[in-house]
PDB file of N, CA and C in Angstrom:
ATOM      1  N   MET A   1     205.652  94.425 151.842  1.00  0.00           N
ATOM      2  CA  MET A   1     204.733  95.340 150.826  1.00  0.00           C
ATOM      3  C   MET A   1     204.458  94.534 149.900  1.00  0.00           C
ATOM      4  N   ILE A   2     203.129  95.250 149.512  1.00  0.00           N
ATOM      5  CA  ILE A   2     202.175  94.630 148.426  1.00  0.00           C
ATOM      6  C   ILE A   2     201.636  95.691 147.708  1.00  0.00           C
ATOM      7  N   VAL A   3     201.141  95.124 146.201  1.00  0.00           N
ATOM      8  CA  VAL A   3     200.581  96.317 145.525  1.00  0.00           C
ATOM      9  C   VAL A   3     199.133  95.632 144.778  1.00  0.00           C
ATOM     10  N   ILE A   4     197.908  96.104 145.045  1.00  0.00           N
ATOM     11  CA  ILE A   4     196.757  95.792 144.599  1.00  0.00           C
ATOM     12  C   ILE A   4     196.601  96.572 143.273  1.00  0.00           C
ATOM     13  N   ASP A   5     196.443  96.056 142.138  1.00  0.00           N
ATOM     14  CA  ASP A   5     196.218  96.554 141.048  1.00  0.00           C
ATOM     15  C   ASP A   5     194.624  97.193 140.940  1.00  0.00           C
ATOM     16  N   GLY A   6     194.501  98.154 140.522  1.00  0.00           N
ATOM     17  CA  GLY A   6     193.406  99.148 140.548  1.00  0.00           C
ATOM     18  C   GLY A   6     192.523  98.597 139.511  1.00  0.00           C
ATOM     19  N   ARG A   7     191.462  99.386 139.280  1.00  0.00           N
ATOM     20  CA  ARG A   7     190.397  98.859 138.221  1.00  0.00           C
ATOM     21  C   ARG A   7     190.621  98.994 136.601  1.00  0.00           C
ATOM     22  N   GLN A   8     190.735  98.106 136.194  1.00  0.00           N
ATOM     23  CA  GLN A   8     191.088  97.744 134.675  1.00  0.00           C
ATOM     24  C   GLN A   8     189.834  96.685 133.989  1.00  0.00           C
ATOM     25  N   SER A   9     189.419  97.055 133.047  1.00  0.00           N
ATOM     26  CA  SER A   9     188.384  96.346 132.627  1.00  0.00           C
ATOM     27  C   SER A   9     189.057  94.862 131.963  1.00  0.00           C
ATOM     28  N   ASN A  10     188.027  93.967 132.480  1.00  0.00           N
ATOM     29  CA  ASN A  10     187.943  92.749 131.796  1.00  0.00           C
ATOM     30  C   ASN A  10     189.466  91.925 132.815  1.00  0.00           C
ATOM     31  N   TYR A  11     189.988  92.544 134.126  1.00  0.00           N
ATOM     32  CA  TYR A  11     191.196  92.416 134.669  1.00  0.00           C
ATOM     33  C   TYR A  11     190.892  92.388 136.095  1.00  0.00           C
ATOM     34  N   TYR A  12     190.574  93.726 136.705  1.00  0.00           N
ATOM     35  CA  TYR A  12     190.262  93.408 137.953  1.00  0.00           C
ATOM     36  C   TYR A  12     189.628  94.599 138.631  1.00  0.00           C
ATOM     37  N   VAL A  13     188.886  94.524 139.291  1.00  0.00           N
ATOM     38  CA  VAL A  13     188.394  95.752 140.151  1.00  0.00           C
ATOM     39  C   VAL A  13     188.744  96.779 141.369  1.00  0.00           C
ATOM     40  N   GLY A  14     189.894  96.066 141.603  1.00  0.00           N
ATOM     41  CA  GLY A  14     190.728  96.859 142.705  1.00  0.00           C
ATOM     42  C   GLY A  14     189.929  96.648 144.111  1.00  0.00           C
ATOM     43  N   VAL A  15     190.383  97.303 145.123  1.00  0.00           N
ATOM     44  CA  VAL A  15     189.639  97.057 146.465  1.00  0.00           C
ATOM     45  C   VAL A  15     189.546  98.383 147.367  1.00  0.00           C
ATOM     46  N   THR A  16     188.704  98.239 148.210  1.00  0.00           N
ATOM     47  CA  THR A  16     188.530  99.532 149.175  1.00  0.00           C
ATOM     48  C   THR A  16     189.385  99.401 150.228  1.00  0.00           C
ATOM     49  N   THR A  17     189.814 100.521 150.867  1.00  0.00           N
ATOM     50  CA  THR A  17     190.560 100.333 151.943  1.00  0.00           C
ATOM     51  C   THR A  17     190.187  99.229 152.781  1.00  0.00           C
ATOM     52  N   GLY A  18     189.047  99.243 153.534  1.00  0.00           N
ATOM     53  CA  GLY A  18     188.201  98.120 153.942  1.00  0.00           C
ATOM     54  C   GLY A  18     188.984  96.820 153.832  1.00  0.00           C
ATOM     55  N   GLN A  19     188.550  96.418 152.601  1.00  0.00           N
ATOM     56  CA  GLN A  19     189.028  94.845 152.005  1.00  0.00           C
ATOM     57  C   GLN A  19     190.712  94.854 151.822  1.00  0.00           C
ATOM     58  N   GLU A  20     191.254  96.054 151.645  1.00  0.00           N
ATOM     59  CA  GLU A  20     192.871  96.083 151.687  1.00  0.00           C
ATOM     60  C   GLU A  20     193.281  95.974 153.040  1.00  0.00           C
ATOM     61  N   GLY A  21     192.541  96.253 154.117  1.00  0.00           N
ATOM     62  CA  GLY A  21     192.891  95.856 155.755  1.00  0.00           C
ATOM     63  C   GLY A  21     192.880  94.419 155.867  1.00  0.00           C
ATOM     64  N   ALA A  22     191.669  93.921 155.724  1.00  0.00           N
ATOM     65  CA  ALA A  22     191.350  92.524 155.663  1.00  0.00           C
ATOM     66  C   ALA A  22     192.362  91.431 154.912  1.00  0.00           C
ATOM     67  N   ILE A  23     192.774  92.037 153.672  1.00  0.00           N
ATOM     68  CA  ILE A  23     193.758  91.120 153.056  1.00  0.00           C
ATOM     69  C   ILE A  23     195.279  91.150 153.723  1.00  0.00           C
ATOM     70  N   LEU A  24     195.345  92.741 154.196  1.00  0.00           N
ATOM     71  CA  LEU A  24     196.780  92.513 155.231  1.00  0.00           C
ATOM     72  C   LEU A  24     196.704  91.835 156.354  1.00  0.00           C
ATOM     73  N   ARG A  25     195.575  91.553 157.111  1.00  0.00           N
ATOM     74  CA  ARG A  25     195.284  90.973 158.326  1.00  0.00           C
ATOM     75  C   ARG A  25     195.329  89.630 157.969  1.00  0.00           C
ATOM     76  N   ALA A  26     194.710  88.907 156.893  1.00  0.00           N
ATOM     77  CA  ALA A  26     194.904  87.788 156.628  1.00  0.00           C
ATOM     78  C   ALA A  26     196.544  87.232 156.452  1.00  0.00           C
ATOM     79  N   LEU A  27     197.585  88.547 155.733  1.00  0.00           N
ATOM     80  CA  LEU A  27     198.498  88.071 155.409  1.00  0.00           C
ATOM     81  C   LEU A  27     199.375  88.366 156.806  1.00  0.00           C
ATOM     82  N   GLY A  28     199.077  88.622 158.058  1.00  0.00           N
ATOM     83  CA  GLY A  28     199.751  88.493 159.252  1.00  0.00           C
ATOM     84  C   GLY A  28     200.017  89.907 159.598  1.00  0.00           C
ATOM     85  N   ALA A  29     199.528  91.176 159.088  1.00  0.00           N
ATOM     86  CA  ALA A  29     200.110  92.109 159.115  1.00  0.00           C
ATOM     87  C   ALA A  29     199.508  92.550 160.539  1.00  0.00           C
ATOM     88  N   TYR A  30     199.986  93.264 161.438  1.00  0.00           N
ATOM     89  CA  TYR A  30     199.757  94.260 162.355  1.00  0.00           C
ATOM     90  C   TYR A  30     199.287  95.192 162.458  1.00  0.00           C
ATOM     91  N   SER A  31     199.995  96.208 161.234  1.00  0.00           N
ATOM     92  CA  SER A  31     199.973  97.553 160.872  1.00  0.00           C
ATOM     93  C   SER A  31     200.184  97.442 159.845  1.00  0.00           C
ATOM     94  N   ALA A  32     199.385  98.810 159.415  1.00  0.00           N
ATOM     95  CA  ALA A  32     200.086  99.084 157.438  1.00  0.00           C
ATOM     96  C   ALA A  32     199.743 100.537 157.501  1.00  0.00           C
ATOM     97  N   VAL A  33     200.797 100.809 156.455  1.00  0.00           N
ATOM     98  CA  VAL A  33     200.345 102.113 155.950  1.00  0.00           C
ATOM     99  C   VAL A  33     199.950 102.221 154.320  1.00  0.00           C
ATOM    100  N   ASN A  34     199.015 102.795 153.787  1.00  0.00           N
ATOM    101  CA  ASN A  34     198.755 102.756 152.487  1.00  0.00           C
ATOM    102  C   ASN A  34     199.390 104.000 151.772  1.00  0.00           C
ATOM    103  N   LEU A  35     200.574 104.076 151.009  1.00  0.00           N
ATOM    104  CA  LEU A  35     200.801 104.833 150.537  1.00  0.00           C
ATOM    105  C   LEU A  35     200.425 105.421 148.973  1.00  0.00           C
ATOM    106  N   ASP A  36     199.799 104.723 148.272  1.00  0.00           N
ATOM    107  CA  ASP A  36     199.280 105.044 146.940  1.00  0.00           C
ATOM    108  C   ASP A  36     198.516 104.608 146.688  1.00  0.00           C
ATOM    109  N   GLY A  37     197.358 104.863 146.106  1.00  0.00           N
ATOM    110  CA  GLY A  37     195.846 104.496 145.635  1.00  0.00           C
ATOM    111  C   GLY A  37     195.602 104.524 144.251  1.00  0.00           C
ATOM    112  N   GLY A  38     196.645 104.830 143.467  1.00  0.00           N
ATOM    113  CA  GLY A  38     196.771 105.439 142.198  1.00  0.00           C
ATOM    114  C   GLY A  38     197.233 104.655 141.285  1.00  0.00           C
ATOM    115  N   GLY A  39     197.470 105.036 139.985  1.00  0.00           N
ATOM    116  CA  GLY A  39     197.791 104.117 138.851  1.00  0.00           C
ATOM    117  C   GLY A  39     199.201 104.114 138.714  1.00  0.00           C
ATOM    118  N   SER A  40     200.177 104.775 139.496  1.00  0.00           N
ATOM    119  CA  SER A  40     201.565 104.934 139.608  1.00  0.00           C
ATOM    120  C   SER A  40     202.055 103.692 140.412  1.00  0.00           C
ATOM    121  N   SER A  41     200.693 103.206 140.907  1.00  0.00           N
ATOM    122  CA  SER A  41     201.662 101.912 141.913  1.00  0.00           C
ATOM    123  C   SER A  41     202.024 100.573 140.924  1.00  0.00           C
ATOM    124  N   CYS A  42     203.291 100.329 140.894  1.00  0.00           N
ATOM    125  CA  CYS A  42     204.217  99.498 140.242  1.00  0.00           C
ATOM    126  C   CYS A  42     205.522  98.527 141.254  1.00  0.00           C
ATOM    127  N   VAL A  43     205.249  97.648 140.730  1.00  0.00           N
ATOM    128  CA  VAL A  43     206.374  96.699 141.714  1.00  0.00           C
ATOM    129  C   VAL A  43     207.353  96.219 140.620  1.00  0.00           C
ATOM    130  N   VAL A  44     208.805  96.494 140.725  1.00  0.00           N
ATOM    131  CA  VAL A  44     209.577  96.277 139.955  1.00  0.00           C
ATOM    132  C   VAL A  44     210.646  95.467 140.750  1.00  0.00           C
ATOM    133  N   VAL A  45     211.078  93.783 140.195  1.00  0.00           N
ATOM    134  CA  VAL A  45     212.123  93.138 141.054  1.00  0.00           C
ATOM    135  C   VAL A  45     213.089  92.844 139.557  1.00  0.00           C
ATOM    136  N   ASN A  46     214.202  93.116 140.269  1.00  0.00           N
ATOM    137  CA  ASN A  46     215.334  92.866 139.188  1.00  0.00           C
ATOM    138  C   ASN A  46     214.960  93.294 137.926  1.00  0.00           C
ATOM    139  N   GLY A  47     214.573  94.457 137.603  1.00  0.00           N
ATOM    140  CA  GLY A  47     214.169  95.168 136.168  1.00  0.00           C
ATOM    141  C   GLY A  47     212.678  94.626 135.399  1.00  0.00           C
ATOM    142  N   GLU A  48     211.840  93.693 136.131  1.00  0.00           N
ATOM    143  CA  GLU A  48     210.975  93.182 135.777  1.00  0.00           C
ATOM    144  C   GLU A  48     209.563  93.732 136.362  1.00  0.00           C
ATOM    145  N   ILE A  49     208.432  94.376 135.733  1.00  0.00           N
ATOM    146  CA  ILE A  49     207.451  94.832 136.435  1.00  0.00           C
ATOM    147  C   ILE A  49     206.706  93.359 136.824  1.00  0.00           C
ATOM    148  N   LYS A  50     205.870  93.299 138.330  1.00  0.00           N
ATOM    149  CA  LYS A  50     205.808  92.319 138.359  1.00  0.00           C
ATOM    150  C   LYS A  50     204.070  92.050 138.931  1.00  0.00           C
ATOM    151  N   ASN A  51     203.553  93.238 138.769  1.00  0.00           N
ATOM    152  CA  ASN A  51     202.234  93.769 138.933  1.00  0.00           C
ATOM    153  C   ASN A  51     202.002  94.123 137.041  1.00  0.00           C
ATOM    154  N   LYS A  52     200.567  94.449 137.038  1.00  0.00           N
ATOM    155  CA  LYS A  52     199.787  94.895 135.891  1.00  0.00           C
ATOM    156  C   LYS A  52     199.442  96.624 136.348  1.00  0.00           C
ATOM    157  N   PRO A  53     200.219  97.356 136.218  1.00  0.00           N
ATOM    158  CA  PRO A  53     200.143  98.655 135.948  1.00  0.00           C
ATOM    159  C   PRO A  53     198.755  99.379 135.184  1.00  0.00           C
ATOM    160  N   SER A  54     198.155 100.124 136.000  1.00  0.00           N
ATOM    161  CA  SER A  54     196.665 100.877 135.069  1.00  0.00           C
ATOM    162  C   SER A  54     196.898 101.232 133.451  1.00  0.00           C
ATOM    163  N   TYR A  55     198.494 101.421 133.562  1.00  0.00           N
ATOM    164  CA  TYR A  55     198.836 102.027 132.016  1.00  0.00           C
ATOM    165  C   TYR A  55     199.576 101.136 131.029  1.00  0.00           C
ATOM    166  N   SER A  56     199.741  99.742 131.842  1.00  0.00           N
ATOM    167  CA  SER A  56     200.413  98.787 131.236  1.00  0.00           C
ATOM    168  C   SER A  56     202.027  99.163 131.170  1.00  0.00           C
ATOM    169  N   PHE A  57     202.398 100.003 131.734  1.00  0.00           N
ATOM    170  CA  PHE A  57     203.892 100.442 131.673  1.00  0.00           C
ATOM    171  C   PHE A  57     204.246 101.451 132.832  1.00  0.00           C
ATOM    172  N   GLU A  58     205.533 101.684 133.364  1.00  0.00           N
ATOM    173  CA  GLU A  58     205.546 102.264 134.621  1.00  0.00           C
ATOM    174  C   GLU A  58     205.635 103.768 134.055  1.00  0.00           C
ATOM    175  N   ARG A  59     204.744 104.469 135.097  1.00  0.00           N
ATOM    176  CA  ARG A  59     204.718 105.902 134.897  1.00  0.00           C
ATOM    177  C   ARG A  59     205.771 106.523 135.930  1.00  0.00           C
ATOM    178  N   ALA A  60     206.412 107.829 135.139  1.00  0.00           N
ATOM    179  CA  ALA A  60     206.777 108.469 135.747  1.00  0.00           C
ATOM    180  C   ALA A  60     206.579 109.070 136.903  1.00  0.00           C
ATOM    181  N   VAL A  61     207.242 109.193 138.151  1.00  0.00           N
ATOM    182  CA  VAL A  61     206.727 109.739 139.338  1.00  0.00           C
ATOM    183  C   VAL A  61     208.041 110.352 139.612  1.00  0.00           C
ATOM    184  N   ALA A  62     208.003 110.915 140.742  1.00  0.00           N
ATOM    185  CA  ALA A  62     209.152 111.961 141.764  1.00  0.00           C
ATOM    186  C   ALA A  62     209.493 111.048 142.833  1.00  0.00           C
ATOM    187  N   ASN A  63     208.931 110.017 143.037  1.00  0.00           N
ATOM    188  CA  ASN A  63     209.440 109.269 144.311  1.00  0.00           C
ATOM    189  C   ASN A  63     209.082 108.072 144.133  1.00  0.00           C
ATOM    190  N   GLY A  64     209.719 107.317 144.923  1.00  0.00           N
ATOM    191  CA  GLY A  64     209.275 105.783 145.321  1.00  0.00           C
ATOM    192  C   GLY A  64     209.808 104.915 146.544  1.00  0.00           C
ATOM    193  N   ILE A  65     209.894 104.013 146.475  1.00  0.00           N
ATOM    194  CA  ILE A  65     210.698 102.924 147.714  1.00  0.00           C
ATOM    195  C   ILE A  65     210.798 102.215 147.342  1.00  0.00           C
ATOM    196  N   MET A  66     212.238 101.698 147.767  1.00  0.00           N
ATOM    197  CA  MET A  66     213.032 100.548 147.252  1.00  0.00           C
ATOM    198  C   MET A  66     213.651  99.754 148.489  1.00  0.00           C
ATOM    199  N   ALA A  67     213.545  98.596 148.212  1.00  0.00           N
ATOM    200  CA  ALA A  67     214.108  97.446 149.272  1.00  0.00           C
ATOM    201  C   ALA A  67     215.117  96.855 148.499  1.00  0.00           C
ATOM    202  N   THR A  68     216.094  96.736 149.417  1.00  0.00           N
ATOM    203  CA  THR A  68     217.271  95.772 148.805  1.00  0.00           C
ATOM    204  C   THR A  68     217.807  94.454 149.578  1.00  0.00           C
ATOM    205  N   VAL A  69     218.253  93.898 149.229  1.00  0.00           N
ATOM    206  CA  VAL A  69     219.223  92.448 150.068  1.00  0.00           C
ATOM    207  C   VAL A  69     220.309  92.572 150.018  1.00  0.00           C
ATOM    208  N   ASN A  70     221.049  92.790 151.259  1.00  0.00           N
ATOM    209  CA  ASN A  70     222.503  92.352 151.407  1.00  0.00           C
ATOM    210  C   ASN A  70     222.666  90.577 151.214  1.00  0.00           C
ATOM    211  N   LYS A  71     223.104  90.152 149.907  1.00  0.00           N
ATOM    212  CA  LYS A  71     223.102  88.825 149.921  1.00  0.00           C
ATOM    213  C   LYS A  71     224.494  88.137 150.833  1.00  0.00           C
ATOM    214  N   GLU A  72     225.215  88.614 151.541  1.00  0.00           N
ATOM    215  CA  GLU A  72     226.140  88.524 152.252  1.00  0.00           C
ATOM    216  C   GLU A  72     225.414  88.019 153.787  1.00  0.00           C
ATOM    217  N   ASN A  73     224.384  88.826 154.171  1.00  0.00           N
ATOM    218  CA  ASN A  73     223.560  88.253 155.529  1.00  0.00           C
ATOM    219  C   ASN A  73     222.864  87.259 154.811  1.00  0.00           C
ATOM    220  N   VAL A  74     222.265  86.827 153.949  1.00  0.00           N
ATOM    221  CA  VAL A  74     221.215  85.873 153.521  1.00  0.00           C
ATOM    222  C   VAL A  74     221.407  84.487 153.870  1.00  0.00           C
TER     223      VAL A  74
END
């Protein structure tokens, strides 16, 4: 899973879907799904925001995707 920060003055210009595909191919992806292209995109690891959301904070949204690790199997 990756998140690409969107248009933010003096920080980042975002990417097109074609550019996103090229990034994913470079990372070794064979297939992918773009789930969100908006300002609610946010990656949180152990309670800490890891990207730079458009509004500088987590936006309240009705859904999300969560990945967990079973430390007994790592």
